[in-house]
Amino acid sequence: MNKSLIYGILAFLVIPAVYADIAVSYLDMGGPNLFSLIIILLIETVILFYLLKGKLSFWYSLLTVFISNLVSFIVGELLKSLTMGSRFLTYYRDYNEGIFILVMLVLCIITIIVEWPVIYLMIRKKVKVNKYKVLYYSVIINIVSYVILYLGHLSR
């Protein structure tokens, strides 16, 4: 069995441990369900695979997205424990949409900053790409993720 397939299987086995992006730690909605996590990770994987024009295997792209989201989730949990955490965002989600959007934007920027080096470190030996191009990829991937999270918020 090739390594990429093993990485892909392992990613799906431990996927419940990953909450995509820092904002998920703050949303305090009981956590997204497994289906939405899989969808977000698959969408992010497809975007990364497409942006790299297939230079990485799909499974390695999935592993890269999985690890970057795991790191951003851990950072999100640390930030939540150091701040007023999920109660702060939940309050504004329910009472002030403008501040909620602003906070989500700040969390998106933090997520981009956290995930950018992780993605870069994972792909730099496999694909010749400069770190600023990877920053661009991280911005695109996370904007799409946060739009999905926001749309999920609107549908609740």
N, C-alpha and C. Protein backbone atom coordinates (compact mmCIF):
# COMPACT_ATOMS: atom_id res chain seq x y z
N MET A 1 0.86 -1.18 0.00
CA MET A 1 0.00 0.00 0.00
C MET A 1 0.90 1.24 0.00
N ASN A 2 0.58 2.23 -0.82
CA ASN A 2 1.47 3.38 -0.87
C ASN A 2 1.23 4.33 0.30
N LYS A 3 2.24 5.15 0.60
CA LYS A 3 2.18 6.04 1.77
C LYS A 3 1.04 7.04 1.70
N SER A 4 0.75 7.56 0.51
CA SER A 4 -0.31 8.55 0.38
C SER A 4 -1.66 7.99 0.79
N LEU A 5 -1.94 6.75 0.42
CA LEU A 5 -3.20 6.13 0.79
C LEU A 5 -3.26 5.92 2.30
N ILE A 6 -2.15 5.50 2.89
CA ILE A 6 -2.11 5.31 4.35
C ILE A 6 -2.34 6.64 5.06
N TYR A 7 -1.69 7.73 4.57
CA TYR A 7 -1.91 9.06 5.16
C TYR A 7 -3.38 9.46 5.07
N GLY A 8 -3.98 9.21 3.93
CA GLY A 8 -5.39 9.56 3.75
C GLY A 8 -6.29 8.81 4.69
N ILE A 9 -6.05 7.52 4.83
CA ILE A 9 -6.87 6.70 5.75
C ILE A 9 -6.68 7.18 7.18
N LEU A 10 -5.44 7.43 7.58
CA LEU A 10 -5.18 7.92 8.94
C LEU A 10 -5.87 9.26 9.19
N ALA A 11 -5.84 10.13 8.20
CA ALA A 11 -6.49 11.44 8.35
C ALA A 11 -7.98 11.27 8.63
N PHE A 12 -8.63 10.39 7.90
CA PHE A 12 -10.07 10.20 8.12
C PHE A 12 -10.38 9.48 9.43
N LEU A 13 -9.44 8.67 9.92
CA LEU A 13 -9.68 7.98 11.18
C LEU A 13 -9.62 8.92 12.37
N VAL A 14 -8.77 9.94 12.29
CA VAL A 14 -8.62 10.85 13.42
C VAL A 14 -9.29 12.20 13.18
N ILE A 15 -10.07 12.31 12.14
CA ILE A 15 -10.69 13.58 11.78
C ILE A 15 -11.57 14.19 12.89
N PRO A 16 -12.22 13.39 13.75
CA PRO A 16 -13.02 14.03 14.80
C PRO A 16 -12.19 14.92 15.73
N ALA A 17 -10.87 14.72 15.77
CA ALA A 17 -10.01 15.55 16.61
C ALA A 17 -9.77 16.92 16.02
N VAL A 18 -10.08 17.10 14.76
CA VAL A 18 -9.79 18.36 14.08
C VAL A 18 -11.05 19.18 13.92
N TYR A 19 -11.03 20.38 14.42
CA TYR A 19 -12.09 21.34 14.14
C TYR A 19 -11.44 22.37 13.25
N ALA A 20 -11.89 22.45 12.03
CA ALA A 20 -11.26 23.33 11.06
C ALA A 20 -11.24 24.76 11.54
N ASP A 21 -10.08 25.33 11.56
CA ASP A 21 -9.87 26.74 11.82
C ASP A 21 -10.08 27.15 13.27
N ILE A 22 -9.46 28.24 13.63
CA ILE A 22 -9.51 28.75 14.99
C ILE A 22 -10.92 29.14 15.40
N ALA A 23 -11.70 29.66 14.49
CA ALA A 23 -13.05 30.13 14.83
C ALA A 23 -13.91 29.03 15.40
N VAL A 24 -13.70 27.81 14.98
CA VAL A 24 -14.53 26.71 15.47
C VAL A 24 -14.40 26.58 16.98
N SER A 25 -13.21 26.84 17.51
CA SER A 25 -13.03 26.79 18.96
C SER A 25 -13.88 27.83 19.66
N TYR A 26 -14.16 28.92 18.98
CA TYR A 26 -14.89 30.03 19.59
C TYR A 26 -16.40 29.98 19.36
N LEU A 27 -16.85 29.22 18.40
CA LEU A 27 -18.27 29.29 18.05
C LEU A 27 -19.18 28.68 19.11
N ASP A 28 -18.68 27.74 19.90
CA ASP A 28 -19.43 27.20 21.03
C ASP A 28 -20.83 26.75 20.60
N MET A 29 -20.89 26.00 19.53
CA MET A 29 -22.17 25.49 19.05
C MET A 29 -22.21 23.99 19.28
N GLY A 30 -21.44 23.49 20.25
CA GLY A 30 -21.35 22.07 20.44
C GLY A 30 -20.40 21.44 19.43
N GLY A 31 -19.69 22.28 18.71
CA GLY A 31 -18.76 21.79 17.70
C GLY A 31 -19.47 21.41 16.42
N PRO A 32 -18.80 21.58 15.33
CA PRO A 32 -19.40 21.18 14.07
C PRO A 32 -19.52 19.66 14.01
N ASN A 33 -20.45 19.18 13.24
CA ASN A 33 -20.58 17.73 13.16
C ASN A 33 -19.52 17.16 12.24
N LEU A 34 -19.35 15.86 12.30
CA LEU A 34 -18.32 15.19 11.53
C LEU A 34 -18.48 15.44 10.04
N PHE A 35 -19.70 15.47 9.56
CA PHE A 35 -19.96 15.70 8.13
C PHE A 35 -19.42 17.06 7.70
N SER A 36 -19.69 18.11 8.48
CA SER A 36 -19.22 19.44 8.08
C SER A 36 -17.69 19.52 8.15
N LEU A 37 -17.09 18.83 9.10
CA LEU A 37 -15.62 18.81 9.17
C LEU A 37 -15.02 18.15 7.94
N ILE A 38 -15.61 17.04 7.53
CA ILE A 38 -15.11 16.34 6.35
C ILE A 38 -15.27 17.23 5.12
N ILE A 39 -16.42 17.89 5.01
CA ILE A 39 -16.66 18.76 3.85
C ILE A 39 -15.63 19.89 3.81
N ILE A 40 -15.41 20.56 4.96
CA ILE A 40 -14.43 21.66 5.00
C ILE A 40 -13.04 21.16 4.63
N LEU A 41 -12.63 20.04 5.21
CA LEU A 41 -11.30 19.52 4.90
C LEU A 41 -11.18 19.10 3.44
N LEU A 42 -12.22 18.51 2.89
CA LEU A 42 -12.18 18.12 1.48
C LEU A 42 -12.14 19.35 0.56
N ILE A 43 -12.92 20.36 0.89
CA ILE A 43 -12.91 21.59 0.08
C ILE A 43 -11.53 22.24 0.14
N GLU A 44 -10.97 22.34 1.34
CA GLU A 44 -9.63 22.92 1.47
C GLU A 44 -8.60 22.09 0.72
N THR A 45 -8.73 20.77 0.78
CA THR A 45 -7.81 19.88 0.07
C THR A 45 -7.90 20.08 -1.44
N VAL A 46 -9.10 20.13 -1.95
CA VAL A 46 -9.30 20.34 -3.39
C VAL A 46 -8.71 21.68 -3.82
N ILE A 47 -8.92 22.72 -3.00
CA ILE A 47 -8.38 24.04 -3.34
C ILE A 47 -6.85 23.98 -3.38
N LEU A 48 -6.23 23.39 -2.36
CA LEU A 48 -4.77 23.30 -2.33
C LEU A 48 -4.27 22.47 -3.52
N PHE A 49 -4.90 21.34 -3.77
CA PHE A 49 -4.51 20.49 -4.89
C PHE A 49 -4.61 21.25 -6.21
N TYR A 50 -5.69 22.00 -6.38
CA TYR A 50 -5.89 22.79 -7.60
C TYR A 50 -4.86 23.93 -7.71
N LEU A 51 -4.63 24.65 -6.61
CA LEU A 51 -3.68 25.76 -6.64
C LEU A 51 -2.26 25.28 -6.96
N LEU A 52 -1.94 24.07 -6.51
CA LEU A 52 -0.62 23.50 -6.79
C LEU A 52 -0.59 22.76 -8.12
N LYS A 53 -1.69 22.83 -8.85
CA LYS A 53 -1.80 22.23 -10.19
C LYS A 53 -1.42 20.75 -10.19
N GLY A 54 -1.83 20.04 -9.13
CA GLY A 54 -1.59 18.60 -9.07
C GLY A 54 -0.15 18.20 -8.80
N LYS A 55 0.70 19.14 -8.39
CA LYS A 55 2.10 18.81 -8.12
C LYS A 55 2.26 17.98 -6.85
N LEU A 56 1.26 18.04 -5.98
CA LEU A 56 1.19 17.18 -4.80
C LEU A 56 0.08 16.17 -5.05
N SER A 57 0.22 14.99 -4.48
CA SER A 57 -0.88 14.02 -4.60
C SER A 57 -2.07 14.55 -3.80
N PHE A 58 -3.24 14.07 -4.16
CA PHE A 58 -4.44 14.46 -3.43
C PHE A 58 -4.31 14.08 -1.97
N TRP A 59 -3.77 12.88 -1.69
CA TRP A 59 -3.68 12.41 -0.30
C TRP A 59 -2.68 13.23 0.51
N TYR A 60 -1.57 13.63 -0.12
CA TYR A 60 -0.62 14.47 0.60
C TYR A 60 -1.21 15.88 0.82
N SER A 61 -2.00 16.34 -0.13
CA SER A 61 -2.70 17.62 0.05
C SER A 61 -3.67 17.51 1.22
N LEU A 62 -4.38 16.39 1.32
CA LEU A 62 -5.30 16.16 2.44
C LEU A 62 -4.54 16.12 3.76
N LEU A 63 -3.42 15.43 3.79
CA LEU A 63 -2.61 15.37 5.00
C LEU A 63 -2.13 16.77 5.40
N THR A 64 -1.69 17.55 4.43
CA THR A 64 -1.22 18.92 4.69
C THR A 64 -2.34 19.77 5.29
N VAL A 65 -3.52 19.71 4.69
CA VAL A 65 -4.67 20.47 5.18
C VAL A 65 -5.07 19.98 6.58
N PHE A 66 -5.06 18.68 6.76
CA PHE A 66 -5.43 18.10 8.06
C PHE A 66 -4.49 18.60 9.16
N ILE A 67 -3.19 18.52 8.93
CA ILE A 67 -2.22 18.93 9.95
C ILE A 67 -2.31 20.44 10.20
N SER A 68 -2.45 21.23 9.15
CA SER A 68 -2.55 22.69 9.36
C SER A 68 -3.80 23.04 10.15
N ASN A 69 -4.91 22.33 9.91
CA ASN A 69 -6.13 22.58 10.67
C ASN A 69 -6.01 22.08 12.11
N LEU A 70 -5.30 20.99 12.31
CA LEU A 70 -5.07 20.50 13.67
C LEU A 70 -4.26 21.52 14.47
N VAL A 71 -3.22 22.07 13.85
CA VAL A 71 -2.40 23.09 14.52
C VAL A 71 -3.24 24.33 14.82
N SER A 72 -4.05 24.77 13.87
CA SER A 72 -4.86 25.97 14.11
C SER A 72 -5.93 25.71 15.16
N PHE A 73 -6.44 24.48 15.23
CA PHE A 73 -7.40 24.15 16.28
C PHE A 73 -6.73 24.23 17.66
N ILE A 74 -5.52 23.69 17.76
CA ILE A 74 -4.79 23.73 19.04
C ILE A 74 -4.53 25.18 19.44
N VAL A 75 -4.09 26.00 18.50
CA VAL A 75 -3.88 27.43 18.78
C VAL A 75 -5.19 28.09 19.20
N GLY A 76 -6.27 27.74 18.52
CA GLY A 76 -7.59 28.29 18.88
C GLY A 76 -8.00 27.92 20.29
N GLU A 77 -7.74 26.69 20.68
CA GLU A 77 -8.06 26.26 22.04
C GLU A 77 -7.21 27.01 23.06
N LEU A 78 -5.93 27.23 22.73
CA LEU A 78 -5.06 28.00 23.63
C LEU A 78 -5.54 29.44 23.75
N LEU A 79 -5.89 30.05 22.62
CA LEU A 79 -6.41 31.42 22.65
C LEU A 79 -7.71 31.49 23.44
N LYS A 80 -8.55 30.51 23.26
CA LYS A 80 -9.83 30.50 23.96
C LYS A 80 -9.61 30.40 25.47
N SER A 81 -8.62 29.61 25.88
CA SER A 81 -8.37 29.47 27.31
C SER A 81 -7.74 30.74 27.90
N LEU A 82 -7.09 31.55 27.06
CA LEU A 82 -6.46 32.78 27.54
C LEU A 82 -7.37 33.99 27.45
N THR A 83 -8.49 33.87 26.75
CA THR A 83 -9.41 34.99 26.59
C THR A 83 -10.76 34.62 27.17
N MET A 84 -11.74 35.44 26.91
CA MET A 84 -13.09 35.13 27.36
C MET A 84 -13.68 33.99 26.54
N GLY A 85 -12.98 33.60 25.51
CA GLY A 85 -13.30 32.41 24.78
C GLY A 85 -14.63 32.43 24.07
N SER A 86 -15.22 31.27 24.03
CA SER A 86 -16.41 31.08 23.21
C SER A 86 -17.60 31.90 23.68
N ARG A 87 -17.68 32.21 24.97
CA ARG A 87 -18.82 33.01 25.44
C ARG A 87 -18.83 34.39 24.80
N PHE A 88 -17.66 34.96 24.57
CA PHE A 88 -17.54 36.27 23.94
C PHE A 88 -18.12 36.24 22.53
N LEU A 89 -17.67 35.29 21.72
CA LEU A 89 -18.14 35.23 20.34
C LEU A 89 -19.60 34.81 20.28
N THR A 90 -20.01 33.90 21.14
CA THR A 90 -21.41 33.46 21.15
C THR A 90 -22.33 34.64 21.48
N TYR A 91 -21.93 35.48 22.42
CA TYR A 91 -22.74 36.65 22.78
C TYR A 91 -22.93 37.55 21.57
N TYR A 92 -21.83 37.86 20.89
CA TYR A 92 -21.93 38.76 19.73
C TYR A 92 -22.61 38.09 18.54
N ARG A 93 -22.46 36.77 18.44
CA ARG A 93 -23.16 36.06 17.37
C ARG A 93 -24.66 36.23 17.53
N ASP A 94 -25.11 36.22 18.76
CA ASP A 94 -26.55 36.30 19.03
C ASP A 94 -27.08 37.72 19.08
N TYR A 95 -26.24 38.72 19.40
CA TYR A 95 -26.75 40.06 19.64
C TYR A 95 -26.20 41.16 18.75
N ASN A 96 -25.05 40.96 18.13
CA ASN A 96 -24.49 42.03 17.31
C ASN A 96 -23.74 41.42 16.13
N GLU A 97 -24.41 41.32 15.01
CA GLU A 97 -23.86 40.67 13.82
C GLU A 97 -22.59 41.36 13.32
N GLY A 98 -22.53 42.70 13.40
CA GLY A 98 -21.36 43.43 12.92
C GLY A 98 -20.11 43.08 13.69
N ILE A 99 -20.19 43.04 15.00
CA ILE A 99 -19.02 42.68 15.81
C ILE A 99 -18.67 41.21 15.60
N PHE A 100 -19.67 40.37 15.45
CA PHE A 100 -19.43 38.95 15.17
C PHE A 100 -18.61 38.80 13.89
N ILE A 101 -18.98 39.51 12.84
CA ILE A 101 -18.25 39.44 11.57
C ILE A 101 -16.83 39.95 11.75
N LEU A 102 -16.65 41.04 12.49
CA LEU A 102 -15.32 41.59 12.74
C LEU A 102 -14.45 40.58 13.49
N VAL A 103 -15.00 39.96 14.52
CA VAL A 103 -14.24 38.97 15.28
C VAL A 103 -13.90 37.77 14.40
N MET A 104 -14.84 37.34 13.58
CA MET A 104 -14.57 36.23 12.66
C MET A 104 -13.44 36.60 11.69
N LEU A 105 -13.42 37.84 11.23
CA LEU A 105 -12.36 38.30 10.34
C LEU A 105 -11.00 38.25 11.05
N VAL A 106 -10.95 38.69 12.29
CA VAL A 106 -9.70 38.64 13.06
C VAL A 106 -9.26 37.19 13.25
N LEU A 107 -10.21 36.31 13.56
CA LEU A 107 -9.87 34.90 13.74
C LEU A 107 -9.39 34.28 12.42
N CYS A 108 -9.95 34.72 11.31
CA CYS A 108 -9.51 34.24 10.00
C CYS A 108 -8.06 34.66 9.75
N ILE A 109 -7.74 35.88 10.07
CA ILE A 109 -6.37 36.37 9.89
C ILE A 109 -5.40 35.59 10.76
N ILE A 110 -5.79 35.33 12.01
CA ILE A 110 -4.93 34.53 12.91
C ILE A 110 -4.76 33.12 12.34
N THR A 111 -5.84 32.54 11.84
CA THR A 111 -5.76 31.20 11.25
C THR A 111 -4.79 31.19 10.07
N ILE A 112 -4.87 32.20 9.22
CA ILE A 112 -3.96 32.28 8.06
C ILE A 112 -2.52 32.34 8.55
N ILE A 113 -2.26 33.16 9.55
CA ILE A 113 -0.90 33.31 10.08
C ILE A 113 -0.40 32.00 10.68
N VAL A 114 -1.28 31.25 11.33
CA VAL A 114 -0.89 29.98 11.95
C VAL A 114 -0.70 28.89 10.90
N GLU A 115 -1.60 28.80 9.94
CA GLU A 115 -1.56 27.70 8.98
C GLU A 115 -0.52 27.90 7.87
N TRP A 116 -0.21 29.15 7.54
CA TRP A 116 0.73 29.43 6.46
C TRP A 116 2.07 28.70 6.64
N PRO A 117 2.75 28.84 7.79
CA PRO A 117 4.04 28.15 7.90
C PRO A 117 3.91 26.63 7.93
N VAL A 118 2.80 26.13 8.46
CA VAL A 118 2.61 24.68 8.50
C VAL A 118 2.49 24.14 7.07
N ILE A 119 1.68 24.80 6.26
CA ILE A 119 1.53 24.37 4.87
C ILE A 119 2.87 24.49 4.14
N TYR A 120 3.55 25.61 4.35
CA TYR A 120 4.84 25.82 3.69
C TYR A 120 5.84 24.72 4.07
N LEU A 121 5.95 24.43 5.35
CA LEU A 121 6.91 23.41 5.80
C LEU A 121 6.57 22.03 5.24
N MET A 122 5.29 21.76 5.06
CA MET A 122 4.90 20.44 4.56
C MET A 122 5.11 20.29 3.06
N ILE A 123 5.01 21.39 2.30
CA ILE A 123 5.09 21.22 0.85
C ILE A 123 6.40 21.68 0.23
N ARG A 124 7.24 22.38 0.98
CA ARG A 124 8.42 23.02 0.38
C ARG A 124 9.40 22.03 -0.24
N LYS A 125 9.50 20.82 0.29
CA LYS A 125 10.44 19.85 -0.28
C LYS A 125 9.83 19.09 -1.45
N LYS A 126 8.53 19.11 -1.56
CA LYS A 126 7.86 18.37 -2.63
C LYS A 126 7.54 19.25 -3.83
N VAL A 127 7.34 20.55 -3.57
CA VAL A 127 6.97 21.48 -4.64
C VAL A 127 7.84 22.73 -4.49
N LYS A 128 8.43 23.16 -5.58
CA LYS A 128 9.21 24.41 -5.52
C LYS A 128 8.23 25.57 -5.58
N VAL A 129 8.06 26.22 -4.44
CA VAL A 129 7.13 27.34 -4.34
C VAL A 129 7.66 28.26 -3.23
N ASN A 130 7.57 29.57 -3.46
CA ASN A 130 8.08 30.46 -2.43
C ASN A 130 7.04 30.66 -1.33
N LYS A 131 7.52 31.14 -0.19
CA LYS A 131 6.64 31.26 0.98
C LYS A 131 5.51 32.25 0.78
N TYR A 132 5.69 33.24 -0.06
CA TYR A 132 4.62 34.22 -0.29
C TYR A 132 3.50 33.64 -1.16
N LYS A 133 3.86 32.74 -2.03
CA LYS A 133 2.84 32.05 -2.83
C LYS A 133 2.02 31.14 -1.90
N VAL A 134 2.67 30.51 -0.95
CA VAL A 134 1.97 29.67 0.03
C VAL A 134 1.08 30.54 0.92
N LEU A 135 1.52 31.74 1.23
CA LEU A 135 0.66 32.67 1.98
C LEU A 135 -0.62 32.94 1.19
N TYR A 136 -0.48 33.18 -0.11
CA TYR A 136 -1.63 33.38 -0.98
C TYR A 136 -2.56 32.16 -0.93
N TYR A 137 -1.99 30.96 -1.00
CA TYR A 137 -2.80 29.74 -0.92
C TYR A 137 -3.54 29.67 0.41
N SER A 138 -2.84 30.00 1.49
CA SER A 138 -3.46 29.97 2.82
C SER A 138 -4.62 30.96 2.91
N VAL A 139 -4.44 32.14 2.33
CA VAL A 139 -5.50 33.16 2.33
C VAL A 139 -6.73 32.63 1.59
N ILE A 140 -6.53 32.10 0.40
CA ILE A 140 -7.66 31.58 -0.39
C ILE A 140 -8.37 30.45 0.35
N ILE A 141 -7.60 29.49 0.84
CA ILE A 141 -8.18 28.33 1.54
C ILE A 141 -9.00 28.77 2.75
N ASN A 142 -8.45 29.69 3.53
CA ASN A 142 -9.13 30.08 4.77
C ASN A 142 -10.30 31.02 4.54
N ILE A 143 -10.24 31.84 3.52
CA ILE A 143 -11.41 32.67 3.20
C ILE A 143 -12.59 31.76 2.85
N VAL A 144 -12.32 30.74 2.05
CA VAL A 144 -13.39 29.81 1.69
C VAL A 144 -13.92 29.10 2.95
N SER A 145 -13.02 28.66 3.82
CA SER A 145 -13.45 27.99 5.06
C SER A 145 -14.30 28.89 5.94
N TYR A 146 -13.87 30.12 6.10
CA TYR A 146 -14.61 31.04 6.96
C TYR A 146 -15.95 31.44 6.36
N VAL A 147 -16.02 31.51 5.05
CA VAL A 147 -17.31 31.76 4.41
C VAL A 147 -18.25 30.58 4.70
N ILE A 148 -17.72 29.36 4.62
CA ILE A 148 -18.53 28.18 4.94
C ILE A 148 -18.99 28.22 6.40
N LEU A 149 -18.06 28.56 7.31
CA LEU A 149 -18.43 28.66 8.73
C LEU A 149 -19.48 29.74 8.95
N TYR A 150 -19.34 30.86 8.26
CA TYR A 150 -20.31 31.95 8.41
C TYR A 150 -21.67 31.53 7.85
N LEU A 151 -21.68 30.88 6.72
CA LEU A 151 -22.94 30.41 6.15
C LEU A 151 -23.60 29.39 7.09
N GLY A 152 -22.78 28.56 7.73
CA GLY A 152 -23.30 27.63 8.74
C GLY A 152 -23.91 28.38 9.91
N HIS A 153 -23.28 29.49 10.28
CA HIS A 153 -23.84 30.34 11.35
C HIS A 153 -25.18 30.92 10.93
N LEU A 154 -25.30 31.36 9.69
CA LEU A 154 -26.55 31.95 9.21
C LEU A 154 -27.68 30.93 9.18
N SER A 155 -27.33 29.68 8.95
CA SER A 155 -28.38 28.66 8.82
C SER A 155 -28.84 28.11 10.16
N ARG A 156 -28.23 28.54 11.24
CA ARG A 156 -28.63 27.98 12.54
C ARG A 156 -29.86 28.66 13.07
